């Protein structure tokens, strides 16, 4: 996506132009404002097509950053809540095999947390013996 594509052609048309702080500070009011916007559909299409990492933040097209992240991922990907990387589902351990549910932290982050916890426990044990 080019830099020009990051700036929509209809920018400046919506009511958010006059209240930009609202889009970051009061998400409920911002969503109401968006829902009455004449360019809501174009705005939503634009923001969901942005490349990963180019999200403008705040409420855009009546969607919070989390809403947008969820909508842009398909059923084969998930964003790790620890490292914030988008990874395939197989990178997330199942925590309830019968329900096919998956963790929200990728296997690498879970392993790192376990290593850190083990190291902390070892240090605590060593300090206790001195």
Foldseek 3Di string as FASTA:
>chain_A
DDPVLLDDPCPPQAPCVVPVVCQAPPLVVVLVSLVPTPCLVVFLVSQLPDDPPSHPAGATSSAHPVRSQVVNDDPQWAQAPPPRDIDGQVQFDDPDVVVSDTDSHGPVVVVVVVVVVVVVVVVVVVVVVD
